[in-house]
Protein backbone atom coordinates (compact mmCIF):
# COMPACT_ATOMS: atom_id res chain seq x y z
CA UNK A 1 124.33 121.38 149.20
CA UNK A 2 120.91 122.69 148.15
CA UNK A 3 122.55 124.86 145.46
CA UNK A 4 124.34 121.82 144.03
CA UNK A 5 121.13 119.79 143.93
CA UNK A 6 119.22 122.65 142.27
CA UNK A 7 121.98 123.16 139.71
CA UNK A 8 122.03 119.43 138.96
CA UNK A 9 118.25 119.28 138.54
CA UNK A 10 118.30 122.35 136.29
CA UNK A 11 121.00 120.75 134.12
CA UNK A 12 119.00 117.51 133.81
CA UNK A 13 115.83 119.41 132.89
CA UNK A 14 117.72 121.49 130.28
CA UNK A 15 119.33 118.39 128.77
CA UNK A 16 115.95 116.64 128.63
CA UNK A 17 114.34 119.62 126.91
CA UNK A 18 117.17 119.76 124.38
CA UNK A 19 116.87 116.03 123.70
CA UNK A 20 113.12 116.34 123.15
CA UNK A 21 113.61 119.26 120.74
CA UNK A 22 116.42 117.66 118.72
CA UNK A 23 115.16 114.05 118.59
CA UNK A 24 112.22 114.53 116.19
CA UNK A 25 114.29 116.51 113.70
CA UNK A 26 117.19 114.08 113.74
CA UNK A 27 114.84 111.09 113.55
CA UNK A 28 113.19 112.54 110.45
CA UNK A 29 116.53 113.01 108.73
CA UNK A 30 117.75 109.57 109.76
CA UNK A 31 114.42 108.03 108.67
CA UNK A 32 114.78 109.33 105.11
CA UNK A 33 118.32 108.01 104.82
CA UNK A 34 117.68 104.67 106.48
CA UNK A 35 114.43 103.79 104.73
CA UNK A 36 115.35 105.19 101.34
CA UNK A 37 112.13 107.19 101.09
CA UNK A 38 111.95 110.22 98.87
CA UNK A 39 110.45 113.61 99.45
CA UNK A 40 106.95 113.92 98.04
CA UNK A 41 106.76 116.66 95.46
CA UNK A 42 103.41 118.41 95.49
CA UNK A 43 101.21 118.16 92.43
CA UNK A 44 101.40 121.07 89.99
CA UNK A 45 98.66 123.70 90.17
CA UNK A 46 97.68 123.11 86.55
CA UNK A 47 98.49 120.81 83.66
CA UNK A 48 98.68 121.31 79.92
CA UNK A 49 95.70 120.11 77.87
CA UNK A 50 98.01 118.00 75.66
CA UNK A 51 99.29 116.14 78.75
CA UNK A 52 95.73 115.56 79.99
CA UNK A 53 94.62 114.32 76.57
CA UNK A 54 97.61 111.98 76.31
CA UNK A 55 96.93 110.56 79.79
CA UNK A 56 93.25 110.16 78.91
CA UNK A 57 94.26 108.24 75.80
CA UNK A 58 96.62 105.95 77.77
CA UNK A 59 93.86 105.09 80.24
CA UNK A 60 91.23 104.58 77.53
CA UNK A 61 93.55 102.21 75.64
CA UNK A 62 94.09 100.30 78.90
CA UNK A 63 90.33 99.77 79.13
CA UNK A 64 89.01 102.61 81.27
CA UNK A 65 85.46 103.37 80.22
CA UNK A 66 85.53 106.55 82.32
CA UNK A 67 88.53 107.87 80.41
CA UNK A 68 87.02 106.83 77.08
CA UNK A 69 83.81 108.74 77.85
CA UNK A 70 85.57 111.89 79.03
CA UNK A 71 85.99 114.68 76.52
CA UNK A 72 89.37 115.85 75.30
CA UNK A 73 90.38 119.30 76.47
CA UNK A 74 90.95 121.91 73.77
CA UNK A 75 91.02 125.66 73.47
CA UNK A 76 92.63 126.27 76.87
CA UNK A 77 96.20 127.06 77.89
CA UNK A 78 96.05 125.17 81.19
CA UNK A 79 93.55 123.06 83.09
CA UNK A 80 93.26 122.56 86.86
CA UNK A 81 95.20 119.61 88.21
CA UNK A 82 91.90 118.38 89.66
CA UNK A 83 90.88 117.28 86.16
CA UNK A 84 93.88 114.95 86.05
CA UNK A 85 93.56 113.67 89.61
CA UNK A 86 89.87 112.94 89.09
CA UNK A 87 90.62 111.07 85.87
CA UNK A 88 93.30 108.98 87.61
CA UNK A 89 91.16 108.23 90.64
CA UNK A 90 88.17 107.20 88.53
CA UNK A 91 90.31 104.91 86.36
CA UNK A 92 92.01 103.45 89.45
CA UNK A 93 88.67 102.64 91.08
CA UNK A 94 87.32 101.22 87.82
CA UNK A 95 90.41 99.03 87.32
CA UNK A 96 90.33 97.77 90.91
CA UNK A 97 86.68 96.82 90.52
CA UNK A 98 87.34 95.09 87.20
CA UNK A 99 90.38 93.19 88.51
CA UNK A 100 89.07 92.24 91.96
CA UNK A 101 88.79 88.53 91.10
CA UNK A 102 92.33 88.14 89.75
CA UNK A 103 94.80 86.05 91.77
CA UNK A 104 96.96 88.10 94.12
CA UNK A 105 100.20 87.41 92.26
CA UNK A 106 98.72 88.92 89.09
CA UNK A 107 97.83 92.18 90.86
CA UNK A 108 99.63 95.22 92.14
CA UNK A 109 97.82 97.74 94.34
CA UNK A 110 94.53 95.94 93.82
CA UNK A 111 94.58 95.93 90.00
CA UNK A 112 96.24 94.01 87.21
CA UNK A 113 99.83 94.94 86.49
CA UNK A 114 99.02 96.37 83.02
CA UNK A 115 96.32 98.57 84.59
CA UNK A 116 98.74 99.64 87.33
CA UNK A 117 101.35 100.54 84.72
CA UNK A 118 98.80 102.49 82.66
CA UNK A 119 97.70 104.54 85.68
CA UNK A 120 101.28 105.39 86.61
CA UNK A 121 102.21 106.18 83.03
CA UNK A 122 99.25 108.56 82.75
CA UNK A 123 100.16 110.20 86.07
CA UNK A 124 103.75 110.67 84.95
CA UNK A 125 102.64 112.30 81.68
CA UNK A 126 100.64 114.86 83.67
CA UNK A 127 103.31 115.32 86.36
CA UNK A 128 100.92 114.19 89.08
CA UNK A 129 102.40 112.41 92.09
CA UNK A 130 99.32 111.94 94.30
CA UNK A 131 95.69 111.32 93.35
């Protein structure tokens, strides 16, 4: 009788441990499928100066004073991705501050829709996903 009880308890403990180990992995897979989320691709280590300059131009045309005051990059093969992320973050903060009094239906992510589109267009040109 004691052997049967011990065997049963051991089986329950083993099944519980297996369920705990498998559940997070299967939930992560099911979460991606069910919610339609995509895997986040890390930012590149560096970007081309032409891409940075084009993104800078997009943001300056959209009204970013920070981008307009920044200097174009030249004479280098690559620049650190931090240049691009800093440019995007500064323009984002500037646009949000400028657009803070707009009605909610004219804004997306705290800024006007044209500013939002300009930021995302500039990010896409540089291949930056997160800033």
